[in-house]
PDB file of N, CA and C in Angstrom:
ATOM      1  N   MET A   1     -34.922  82.177  75.251  1.00  0.00           N
ATOM      2  CA  MET A   1     -36.187  81.768  75.822  1.00  0.00           C
ATOM      3  C   MET A   1     -36.308  80.245  75.696  1.00  0.00           C
ATOM      4  N   THR A   2     -36.786  79.603  76.735  1.00  0.00           N
ATOM      5  CA  THR A   2     -36.959  78.161  76.753  1.00  0.00           C
ATOM      6  C   THR A   2     -38.419  77.824  76.510  1.00  0.00           C
ATOM      7  N   PHE A   3     -38.671  76.822  75.653  1.00  0.00           N
ATOM      8  CA  PHE A   3     -40.030  76.402  75.347  1.00  0.00           C
ATOM      9  C   PHE A   3     -40.261  74.993  75.873  1.00  0.00           C
ATOM     10  N   SER A   4     -41.474  74.748  76.354  1.00  0.00           N
ATOM     11  CA  SER A   4     -41.830  73.401  76.808  1.00  0.00           C
ATOM     12  C   SER A   4     -42.030  72.495  75.597  1.00  0.00           C
ATOM     13  N   LYS A   5     -42.079  71.206  75.843  1.00  0.00           N
ATOM     14  CA  LYS A   5     -42.316  70.230  74.778  1.00  0.00           C
ATOM     15  C   LYS A   5     -43.644  70.523  74.077  1.00  0.00           C
ATOM     16  N   GLU A   6     -44.660  70.880  74.849  1.00  0.00           N
ATOM     17  CA  GLU A   6     -45.982  71.187  74.287  1.00  0.00           C
ATOM     18  C   GLU A   6     -45.932  72.427  73.395  1.00  0.00           C
ATOM     19  N   GLU A   7     -45.191  73.446  73.828  1.00  0.00           N
ATOM     20  CA  GLU A   7     -45.062  74.662  73.027  1.00  0.00           C
ATOM     21  C   GLU A   7     -44.334  74.377  71.717  1.00  0.00           C
ATOM     22  N   LYS A   8     -43.268  73.584  71.791  1.00  0.00           N
ATOM     23  CA  LYS A   8     -42.545  73.218  70.572  1.00  0.00           C
ATOM     24  C   LYS A   8     -43.468  72.480  69.605  1.00  0.00           C
ATOM     25  N   THR A   9     -44.273  71.571  70.142  1.00  0.00           N
ATOM     26  CA  THR A   9     -45.213  70.815  69.309  1.00  0.00           C
ATOM     27  C   THR A   9     -46.196  71.752  68.624  1.00  0.00           C
ATOM     28  N   LEU A  10     -46.708  72.738  69.359  1.00  0.00           N
ATOM     29  CA  LEU A  10     -47.646  73.707  68.776  1.00  0.00           C
ATOM     30  C   LEU A  10     -46.974  74.522  67.667  1.00  0.00           C
ATOM     31  N   TRP A  11     -45.737  74.964  67.912  1.00  0.00           N
ATOM     32  CA  TRP A  11     -45.007  75.718  66.889  1.00  0.00           C
ATOM     33  C   TRP A  11     -44.794  74.857  65.640  1.00  0.00           C
ATOM     34  N   LEU A  12     -44.398  73.600  65.850  1.00  0.00           N
ATOM     35  CA  LEU A  12     -44.138  72.708  64.716  1.00  0.00           C
ATOM     36  C   LEU A  12     -45.405  72.421  63.927  1.00  0.00           C
ATOM     37  N   GLU A  13     -46.519  72.203  64.611  1.00  0.00           N
ATOM     38  CA  GLU A  13     -47.779  71.942  63.908  1.00  0.00           C
ATOM     39  C   GLU A  13     -48.212  73.166  63.108  1.00  0.00           C
ATOM     40  N   ASP A  14     -48.055  74.355  63.693  1.00  0.00           N
ATOM     41  CA  ASP A  14     -48.415  75.578  62.972  1.00  0.00           C
ATOM     42  C   ASP A  14     -47.526  75.757  61.751  1.00  0.00           C
ATOM     43  N   TRP A  15     -46.232  75.466  61.914  1.00  0.00           N
ATOM     44  CA  TRP A  15     -45.302  75.569  60.781  1.00  0.00           C
ATOM     45  C   TRP A  15     -45.690  74.612  59.660  1.00  0.00           C
ATOM     46  N   LYS A  16     -46.031  73.368  60.010  1.00  0.00           N
ATOM     47  CA  LYS A  16     -46.412  72.378  58.995  1.00  0.00           C
ATOM     48  C   LYS A  16     -47.621  72.852  58.203  1.00  0.00           C
ATOM     49  N   GLN A  17     -48.559  73.473  58.885  1.00  0.00           N
ATOM     50  CA  GLN A  17     -49.758  73.977  58.213  1.00  0.00           C
ATOM     51  C   GLN A  17     -49.455  75.199  57.336  1.00  0.00           C
ATOM     52  N   SER A  18     -48.398  75.921  57.684  1.00  0.00           N
ATOM     53  CA  SER A  18     -48.079  77.155  56.951  1.00  0.00           C
ATOM     54  C   SER A  18     -47.552  76.904  55.542  1.00  0.00           C
ATOM     55  N   GLY A  19     -46.888  75.759  55.341  1.00  0.00           N
ATOM     56  CA  GLY A  19     -46.303  75.465  54.042  1.00  0.00           C
ATOM     57  C   GLY A  19     -45.025  76.242  53.762  1.00  0.00           C
ATOM     58  N   LYS A  20     -44.524  76.944  54.744  1.00  0.00           N
ATOM     59  CA  LYS A  20     -43.313  77.750  54.563  1.00  0.00           C
ATOM     60  C   LYS A  20     -42.070  76.953  54.923  1.00  0.00           C
ATOM     61  N   LYS A  21     -40.937  77.435  54.448  1.00  0.00           N
ATOM     62  CA  LYS A  21     -39.663  76.847  54.843  1.00  0.00           C
ATOM     63  C   LYS A  21     -39.453  77.153  56.327  1.00  0.00           C
ATOM     64  N   ALA A  22     -38.791  76.243  57.036  1.00  0.00           N
ATOM     65  CA  ALA A  22     -38.618  76.381  58.480  1.00  0.00           C
ATOM     66  C   ALA A  22     -37.909  77.683  58.847  1.00  0.00           C
ATOM     67  N   TRP A  23     -36.863  78.011  58.108  1.00  0.00           N
ATOM     68  CA  TRP A  23     -36.086  79.220  58.402  1.00  0.00           C
ATOM     69  C   TRP A  23     -36.970  80.466  58.282  1.00  0.00           C
ATOM     70  N   THR A  24     -37.750  80.545  57.206  1.00  0.00           N
ATOM     71  CA  THR A  24     -38.635  81.689  56.974  1.00  0.00           C
ATOM     72  C   THR A  24     -39.696  81.779  58.060  1.00  0.00           C
ATOM     73  N   TYR A  25     -40.302  80.647  58.375  1.00  0.00           N
ATOM     74  CA  TYR A  25     -41.337  80.617  59.405  1.00  0.00           C
ATOM     75  C   TYR A  25     -40.784  81.113  60.743  1.00  0.00           C
ATOM     76  N   ALA A  26     -39.607  80.630  61.116  1.00  0.00           N
ATOM     77  CA  ALA A  26     -39.008  81.030  62.388  1.00  0.00           C
ATOM     78  C   ALA A  26     -38.784  82.537  62.436  1.00  0.00           C
ATOM     79  N   LYS A  27     -38.210  83.094  61.387  1.00  0.00           N
ATOM     80  CA  LYS A  27     -37.931  84.536  61.358  1.00  0.00           C
ATOM     81  C   LYS A  27     -39.225  85.339  61.442  1.00  0.00           C
ATOM     82  N   GLU A  28     -40.255  84.901  60.726  1.00  0.00           N
ATOM     83  CA  GLU A  28     -41.532  85.621  60.717  1.00  0.00           C
ATOM     84  C   GLU A  28     -42.253  85.557  62.058  1.00  0.00           C
ATOM     85  N   ASN A  29     -41.919  84.545  62.865  1.00  0.00           N
ATOM     86  CA  ASN A  29     -42.611  84.365  64.137  1.00  0.00           C
ATOM     87  C   ASN A  29     -41.735  84.676  65.347  1.00  0.00           C
ATOM     88  N   GLY A  30     -40.606  85.329  65.121  1.00  0.00           N
ATOM     89  CA  GLY A  30     -39.760  85.768  66.221  1.00  0.00           C
ATOM     90  C   GLY A  30     -38.994  84.657  66.924  1.00  0.00           C
ATOM     91  N   LEU A  31     -38.821  83.543  66.229  1.00  0.00           N
ATOM     92  CA  LEU A  31     -38.055  82.430  66.785  1.00  0.00           C
ATOM     93  C   LEU A  31     -36.631  82.474  66.235  1.00  0.00           C
ATOM     94  N   ILE A  32     -35.712  81.902  66.957  1.00  0.00           N
ATOM     95  CA  ILE A  32     -34.337  81.829  66.466  1.00  0.00           C
ATOM     96  C   ILE A  32     -34.304  80.732  65.398  1.00  0.00           C
ATOM     97  N   PRO A  33     -33.996  81.090  64.136  1.00  0.00           N
ATOM     98  CA  PRO A  33     -34.062  80.109  63.044  1.00  0.00           C
ATOM     99  C   PRO A  33     -33.245  78.845  63.285  1.00  0.00           C
ATOM    100  N   GLN A  34     -32.031  78.973  63.806  1.00  0.00           N
ATOM    101  CA  GLN A  34     -31.202  77.791  64.044  1.00  0.00           C
ATOM    102  C   GLN A  34     -31.871  76.856  65.055  1.00  0.00           C
ATOM    103  N   THR A  35     -32.446  77.434  66.091  1.00  0.00           N
ATOM    104  CA  THR A  35     -33.124  76.638  67.121  1.00  0.00           C
ATOM    105  C   THR A  35     -34.348  75.950  66.540  1.00  0.00           C
ATOM    106  N   PHE A  36     -35.151  76.711  65.804  1.00  0.00           N
ATOM    107  CA  PHE A  36     -36.366  76.135  65.227  1.00  0.00           C
ATOM    108  C   PHE A  36     -36.025  75.012  64.246  1.00  0.00           C
ATOM    109  N   CYS A  37     -35.010  75.214  63.432  1.00  0.00           N
ATOM    110  CA  CYS A  37     -34.602  74.169  62.480  1.00  0.00           C
ATOM    111  C   CYS A  37     -34.123  72.914  63.204  1.00  0.00           C
ATOM    112  N   SER A  38     -33.524  73.070  64.374  1.00  0.00           N
ATOM    113  CA  SER A  38     -33.124  71.887  65.144  1.00  0.00           C
ATOM    114  C   SER A  38     -34.360  71.164  65.688  1.00  0.00           C
ATOM    115  N   TRP A  39     -35.421  71.914  66.036  1.00  0.00           N
ATOM    116  CA  TRP A  39     -36.682  71.279  66.447  1.00  0.00           C
ATOM    117  C   TRP A  39     -37.246  70.456  65.298  1.00  0.00           C
ATOM    118  N   VAL A  40     -37.185  71.036  64.092  1.00  0.00           N
ATOM    119  CA  VAL A  40     -37.715  70.351  62.904  1.00  0.00           C
ATOM    120  C   VAL A  40     -36.943  69.055  62.674  1.00  0.00           C
ATOM    121  N   ARG A  41     -35.625  69.110  62.745  1.00  0.00           N
ATOM    122  CA  ARG A  41     -34.812  67.895  62.544  1.00  0.00           C
ATOM    123  C   ARG A  41     -35.135  66.833  63.594  1.00  0.00           C
ATOM    124  N   GLN A  42     -35.289  67.254  64.833  1.00  0.00           N
ATOM    125  CA  GLN A  42     -35.634  66.301  65.898  1.00  0.00           C
ATOM    126  C   GLN A  42     -37.010  65.693  65.650  1.00  0.00           C
ATOM    127  N   ASP A  43     -37.946  66.516  65.205  1.00  0.00           N
ATOM    128  CA  ASP A  43     -39.299  66.034  64.936  1.00  0.00           C
ATOM    129  C   ASP A  43     -39.297  65.042  63.778  1.00  0.00           C
ATOM    130  N   GLU A  44     -38.490  65.294  62.758  1.00  0.00           N
ATOM    131  CA  GLU A  44     -38.417  64.390  61.605  1.00  0.00           C
ATOM    132  C   GLU A  44     -37.863  63.030  61.996  1.00  0.00           C
ATOM    133  N   LYS A  45     -36.997  62.986  62.997  1.00  0.00           N
ATOM    134  CA  LYS A  45     -36.435  61.715  63.447  1.00  0.00           C
ATOM    135  C   LYS A  45     -37.481  60.853  64.147  1.00  0.00           C
ATOM    136  N   LYS A  46     -38.569  61.463  64.618  1.00  0.00           N
ATOM    137  CA  LYS A  46     -39.624  60.741  65.324  1.00  0.00           C
ATOM    138  C   LYS A  46     -40.526  59.958  64.384  1.00  0.00           C
ATOM    139  N   ILE A  47     -40.482  60.267  63.080  1.00  0.00           N
ATOM    140  CA  ILE A  47     -41.365  59.609  62.124  1.00  0.00           C
ATOM    141  C   ILE A  47     -40.970  58.145  62.010  1.00  0.00           C
ATOM    142  N   THR A  48     -41.887  57.287  62.352  1.00  0.00           N
ATOM    143  CA  THR A  48     -41.651  55.850  62.249  1.00  0.00           C
ATOM    144  C   THR A  48     -42.930  55.183  61.778  1.00  0.00           C
ATOM    145  N   GLY A  49     -42.836  53.941  61.440  1.00  0.00           N
ATOM    146  CA  GLY A  49     -44.029  53.199  61.066  1.00  0.00           C
ATOM    147  C   GLY A  49     -44.293  53.252  59.580  1.00  0.00           C
ATOM    148  N   PHE A  50     -45.503  52.907  59.225  1.00  0.00           N
ATOM    149  CA  PHE A  50     -45.893  52.796  57.836  1.00  0.00           C
ATOM    150  C   PHE A  50     -46.962  53.811  57.489  1.00  0.00           C
ATOM    151  N   ILE A  51     -47.008  54.166  56.232  1.00  0.00           N
ATOM    152  CA  ILE A  51     -48.078  55.003  55.707  1.00  0.00           C
ATOM    153  C   ILE A  51     -49.001  54.078  54.934  1.00  0.00           C
ATOM    154  N   GLU A  52     -50.258  54.051  55.319  1.00  0.00           N
ATOM    155  CA  GLU A  52     -51.193  53.159  54.644  1.00  0.00           C
ATOM    156  C   GLU A  52     -51.603  53.755  53.300  1.00  0.00           C
ATOM    157  N   ILE A  53     -51.499  52.942  52.266  1.00  0.00           N
ATOM    158  CA  ILE A  53     -51.920  53.336  50.929  1.00  0.00           C
ATOM    159  C   ILE A  53     -52.899  52.276  50.460  1.00  0.00           C
ATOM    160  N   THR A  54     -54.102  52.721  50.140  1.00  0.00           N
ATOM    161  CA  THR A  54     -55.088  51.756  49.685  1.00  0.00           C
ATOM    162  C   THR A  54     -54.788  51.342  48.255  1.00  0.00           C
ATOM    163  N   LYS A  55     -55.121  50.114  47.926  1.00  0.00           N
ATOM    164  CA  LYS A  55     -54.853  49.587  46.590  1.00  0.00           C
ATOM    165  C   LYS A  55     -55.707  50.319  45.553  1.00  0.00           C
ATOM    166  N   HIS A  56     -55.077  50.708  44.473  1.00  0.00           N
ATOM    167  CA  HIS A  56     -55.782  51.368  43.375  1.00  0.00           C
ATOM    168  C   HIS A  56     -56.492  50.295  42.554  1.00  0.00           C
ATOM    169  N   LYS A  57     -57.816  50.384  42.489  1.00  0.00           N
ATOM    170  CA  LYS A  57     -58.618  49.322  41.877  1.00  0.00           C
ATOM    171  C   LYS A  57     -58.629  49.342  40.352  1.00  0.00           C
ATOM    172  N   ASN A  58     -58.371  50.476  39.751  1.00  0.00           N
ATOM    173  CA  ASN A  58     -58.540  50.600  38.305  1.00  0.00           C
ATOM    174  C   ASN A  58     -57.234  50.684  37.526  1.00  0.00           C
ATOM    175  N   LEU A  59     -56.171  50.161  38.063  1.00  0.00           N
ATOM    176  CA  LEU A  59     -54.899  50.197  37.347  1.00  0.00           C
ATOM    177  C   LEU A  59     -54.890  49.184  36.216  1.00  0.00           C
ATOM    178  N   GLU A  60     -54.476  49.632  35.059  1.00  0.00           N
ATOM    179  CA  GLU A  60     -54.290  48.732  33.935  1.00  0.00           C
ATOM    180  C   GLU A  60     -52.810  48.398  33.842  1.00  0.00           C
ATOM    181  N   LEU A  61     -52.491  47.253  33.310  1.00  0.00           N
ATOM    182  CA  LEU A  61     -51.104  46.821  33.216  1.00  0.00           C
ATOM    183  C   LEU A  61     -50.237  47.856  32.506  1.00  0.00           C
ATOM    184  N   SER A  62     -50.763  48.501  31.471  1.00  0.00           N
ATOM    185  CA  SER A  62     -49.975  49.488  30.728  1.00  0.00           C
ATOM    186  C   SER A  62     -49.642  50.711  31.572  1.00  0.00           C
ATOM    187  N   GLN A  63     -50.456  51.002  32.605  1.00  0.00           N
ATOM    188  CA  GLN A  63     -50.209  52.163  33.451  1.00  0.00           C
ATOM    189  C   GLN A  63     -49.168  51.869  34.528  1.00  0.00           C
ATOM    190  N   VAL A  64     -48.988  50.625  34.885  1.00  0.00           N
ATOM    191  CA  VAL A  64     -48.095  50.253  35.970  1.00  0.00           C
ATOM    192  C   VAL A  64     -46.625  50.404  35.585  1.00  0.00           C
ATOM    193  N   GLN A  65     -46.310  50.354  34.314  1.00  0.00           N
ATOM    194  CA  GLN A  65     -44.912  50.408  33.913  1.00  0.00           C
ATOM    195  C   GLN A  65     -44.256  51.756  34.228  1.00  0.00           C
ATOM    196  N   TYR A  66     -45.022  52.825  34.390  1.00  0.00           N
ATOM    197  CA  TYR A  66     -44.470  54.124  34.745  1.00  0.00           C
ATOM    198  C   TYR A  66     -44.735  54.359  36.222  1.00  0.00           C
ATOM    199  N   GLU A  67     -43.702  54.851  36.911  1.00  0.00           N
ATOM    200  CA  GLU A  67     -43.880  55.034  38.338  1.00  0.00           C
ATOM    201  C   GLU A  67     -43.151  56.264  38.837  1.00  0.00           C
ATOM    202  N   VAL A  68     -43.560  56.695  40.017  1.00  0.00           N
ATOM    203  CA  VAL A  68     -42.892  57.778  40.721  1.00  0.00           C
ATOM    204  C   VAL A  68     -42.067  57.125  41.815  1.00  0.00           C
ATOM    205  N   LEU A  69     -40.836  57.557  41.962  1.00  0.00           N
ATOM    206  CA  LEU A  69     -39.961  57.030  43.007  1.00  0.00           C
ATOM    207  C   LEU A  69     -39.662  58.159  43.978  1.00  0.00           C
ATOM    208  N   ILE A  70     -39.943  57.916  45.251  1.00  0.00           N
ATOM    209  CA  ILE A  70     -39.629  58.883  46.309  1.00  0.00           C
ATOM    210  C   ILE A  70     -38.571  58.240  47.196  1.00  0.00           C
ATOM    211  N   GLU A  71     -37.509  58.972  47.444  1.00  0.00           N
ATOM    212  CA  GLU A  71     -36.462  58.476  48.329  1.00  0.00           C
ATOM    213  C   GLU A  71     -36.228  59.491  49.432  1.00  0.00           C
ATOM    214  N   LYS A  72     -36.201  59.015  50.666  1.00  0.00           N
ATOM    215  CA  LYS A  72     -35.836  59.857  51.808  1.00  0.00           C
ATOM    216  C   LYS A  72     -35.056  58.969  52.766  1.00  0.00           C
ATOM    217  N   GLY A  73     -33.778  59.250  52.890  1.00  0.00           N
ATOM    218  CA  GLY A  73     -32.927  58.396  53.712  1.00  0.00           C
ATOM    219  C   GLY A  73     -32.871  57.007  53.103  1.00  0.00           C
ATOM    220  N   ASP A  74     -33.144  56.008  53.919  1.00  0.00           N
ATOM    221  CA  ASP A  74     -33.132  54.622  53.453  1.00  0.00           C
ATOM    222  C   ASP A  74     -34.483  54.168  52.908  1.00  0.00           C
ATOM    223  N   ILE A  75     -35.453  55.059  52.896  1.00  0.00           N
ATOM    224  CA  ILE A  75     -36.802  54.705  52.458  1.00  0.00           C
ATOM    225  C   ILE A  75     -36.946  54.960  50.964  1.00  0.00           C
ATOM    226  N   LYS A  76     -37.463  53.974  50.245  1.00  0.00           N
ATOM    227  CA  LYS A  76     -37.764  54.125  48.823  1.00  0.00           C
ATOM    228  C   LYS A  76     -39.217  53.716  48.618  1.00  0.00           C
ATOM    229  N   ILE A  77     -39.976  54.593  47.982  1.00  0.00           N
ATOM    230  CA  ILE A  77     -41.385  54.316  47.724  1.00  0.00           C
ATOM    231  C   ILE A  77     -41.602  54.352  46.216  1.00  0.00           C
ATOM    232  N   HIS A  78     -42.093  53.256  45.656  1.00  0.00           N
ATOM    233  CA  HIS A  78     -42.408  53.171  44.235  1.00  0.00           C
ATOM    234  C   HIS A  78     -43.926  53.246  44.109  1.00  0.00           C
ATOM    235  N   ILE A  79     -44.412  54.208  43.326  1.00  0.00           N
ATOM    236  CA  ILE A  79     -45.852  54.390  43.173  1.00  0.00           C
ATOM    237  C   ILE A  79     -46.185  54.384  41.689  1.00  0.00           C
ATOM    238  N   PRO A  80     -47.121  53.522  41.266  1.00  0.00           N
ATOM    239  CA  PRO A  80     -47.546  53.551  39.867  1.00  0.00           C
ATOM    240  C   PRO A  80     -48.057  54.950  39.524  1.00  0.00           C
ATOM    241  N   LEU A  81     -47.691  55.448  38.380  1.00  0.00           N
ATOM    242  CA  LEU A  81     -48.053  56.798  37.979  1.00  0.00           C
ATOM    243  C   LEU A  81     -49.564  57.009  38.017  1.00  0.00           C
ATOM    244  N   ALA A  82     -50.320  56.004  37.637  1.00  0.00           N
ATOM    245  CA  ALA A  82     -51.773  56.141  37.623  1.00  0.00           C
ATOM    246  C   ALA A  82     -52.344  56.359  39.025  1.00  0.00           C
ATOM    247  N   ALA A  83     -51.655  55.910  40.057  1.00  0.00           N
ATOM    248  CA  ALA A  83     -52.133  56.074  41.429  1.00  0.00           C
ATOM    249  C   ALA A  83     -51.576  57.332  42.087  1.00  0.00           C
ATOM    250  N   TRP A  84     -50.609  57.971  41.457  1.00  0.00           N
ATOM    251  CA  TRP A  84     -49.909  59.105  42.064  1.00  0.00           C
ATOM    252  C   TRP A  84     -50.847  60.222  42.509  1.00  0.00           C
ATOM    253  N   THR A  85     -51.811  60.589  41.672  1.00  0.00           N
ATOM    254  CA  THR A  85     -52.681  61.710  42.026  1.00  0.00           C
ATOM    255  C   THR A  85     -53.504  61.427  43.270  1.00  0.00           C
ATOM    256  N   GLU A  86     -53.814  60.170  43.531  1.00  0.00           N
ATOM    257  CA  GLU A  86     -54.616  59.823  44.698  1.00  0.00           C
ATOM    258  C   GLU A  86     -53.815  59.801  45.985  1.00  0.00           C
ATOM    259  N   VAL A  87     -52.552  59.481  45.918  1.00  0.00           N
ATOM    260  CA  VAL A  87     -51.772  59.283  47.144  1.00  0.00           C
ATOM    261  C   VAL A  87     -50.694  60.330  47.383  1.00  0.00           C
ATOM    262  N   SER A  88     -50.421  61.182  46.408  1.00  0.00           N
ATOM    263  CA  SER A  88     -49.282  62.097  46.519  1.00  0.00           C
ATOM    264  C   SER A  88     -49.375  63.026  47.724  1.00  0.00           C
ATOM    265  N   GLU A  89     -50.515  63.661  47.946  1.00  0.00           N
ATOM    266  CA  GLU A  89     -50.620  64.603  49.054  1.00  0.00           C
ATOM    267  C   GLU A  89     -50.433  63.909  50.394  1.00  0.00           C
ATOM    268  N   SER A  90     -51.006  62.733  50.537  1.00  0.00           N
ATOM    269  CA  SER A  90     -50.880  61.981  51.786  1.00  0.00           C
ATOM    270  C   SER A  90     -49.428  61.618  52.062  1.00  0.00           C
ATOM    271  N   ILE A  91     -48.753  61.101  51.075  1.00  0.00           N
ATOM    272  CA  ILE A  91     -47.368  60.671  51.247  1.00  0.00           C
ATOM    273  C   ILE A  91     -46.454  61.857  51.487  1.00  0.00           C
ATOM    274  N   LEU A  92     -46.562  62.876  50.674  1.00  0.00           N
ATOM    275  CA  LEU A  92     -45.679  64.028  50.817  1.00  0.00           C
ATOM    276  C   LEU A  92     -45.914  64.729  52.146  1.00  0.00           C
ATOM    277  N   GLY A  93     -47.155  64.753  52.585  1.00  0.00           N
ATOM    278  CA  GLY A  93     -47.447  65.355  53.878  1.00  0.00           C
ATOM    279  C   GLY A  93     -46.800  64.593  55.009  1.00  0.00           C
ATOM    280  N   LYS A  94     -46.842  63.269  54.950  1.00  0.00           N
ATOM    281  CA  LYS A  94     -46.237  62.441  55.989  1.00  0.00           C
ATOM    282  C   LYS A  94     -44.717  62.573  55.978  1.00  0.00           C
ATOM    283  N   LEU A  95     -44.136  62.714  54.802  1.00  0.00           N
ATOM    284  CA  LEU A  95     -42.677  62.822  54.686  1.00  0.00           C
ATOM    285  C   LEU A  95     -42.194  64.263  54.765  1.00  0.00           C
ATOM    286  N   ARG A  96     -43.138  65.188  54.832  1.00  0.00           N
ATOM    287  CA  ARG A  96     -42.828  66.617  54.870  1.00  0.00           C
ATOM    288  C   ARG A  96     -42.003  67.047  53.663  1.00  0.00           C
ATOM    289  N   LEU A  97     -42.466  66.636  52.501  1.00  0.00           N
ATOM    290  CA  LEU A  97     -41.822  67.013  51.252  1.00  0.00           C
ATOM    291  C   LEU A  97     -42.791  67.873  50.449  1.00  0.00           C
ATOM    292  N   THR A  98     -42.284  68.592  49.496  1.00  0.00           N
ATOM    293  CA  THR A  98     -43.131  69.346  48.588  1.00  0.00           C
ATOM    294  C   THR A  98     -42.736  69.025  47.154  1.00  0.00           C
ATOM    295  N   ILE A  99     -43.687  69.183  46.270  1.00  0.00           N
ATOM    296  CA  ILE A  99     -43.427  68.945  44.851  1.00  0.00           C
ATOM    297  C   ILE A  99     -42.783  70.183  44.276  1.00  0.00           C
TER     298      ILE A  99
END
């Protein structure tokens, strides 16, 4: 079965909201898992630009020394541990990662 670009977008958005692995989601929804996973890979390649992170106003110098490092491809994001709880969901959602 062939899907239009709009249909693929709808499937991908529903999958993102589901929180499931792509393979599982495809099988549960009657899609060919290999095909759906290729849609996911193509969609991930479209991610460009920056993710805006507002400055954390209450960071103390002692809190900055510990950080979370996220790496995906050539992207490295260093986040002070004290700010992690405020920005983690936003960042992970944009990068399509889970904790």
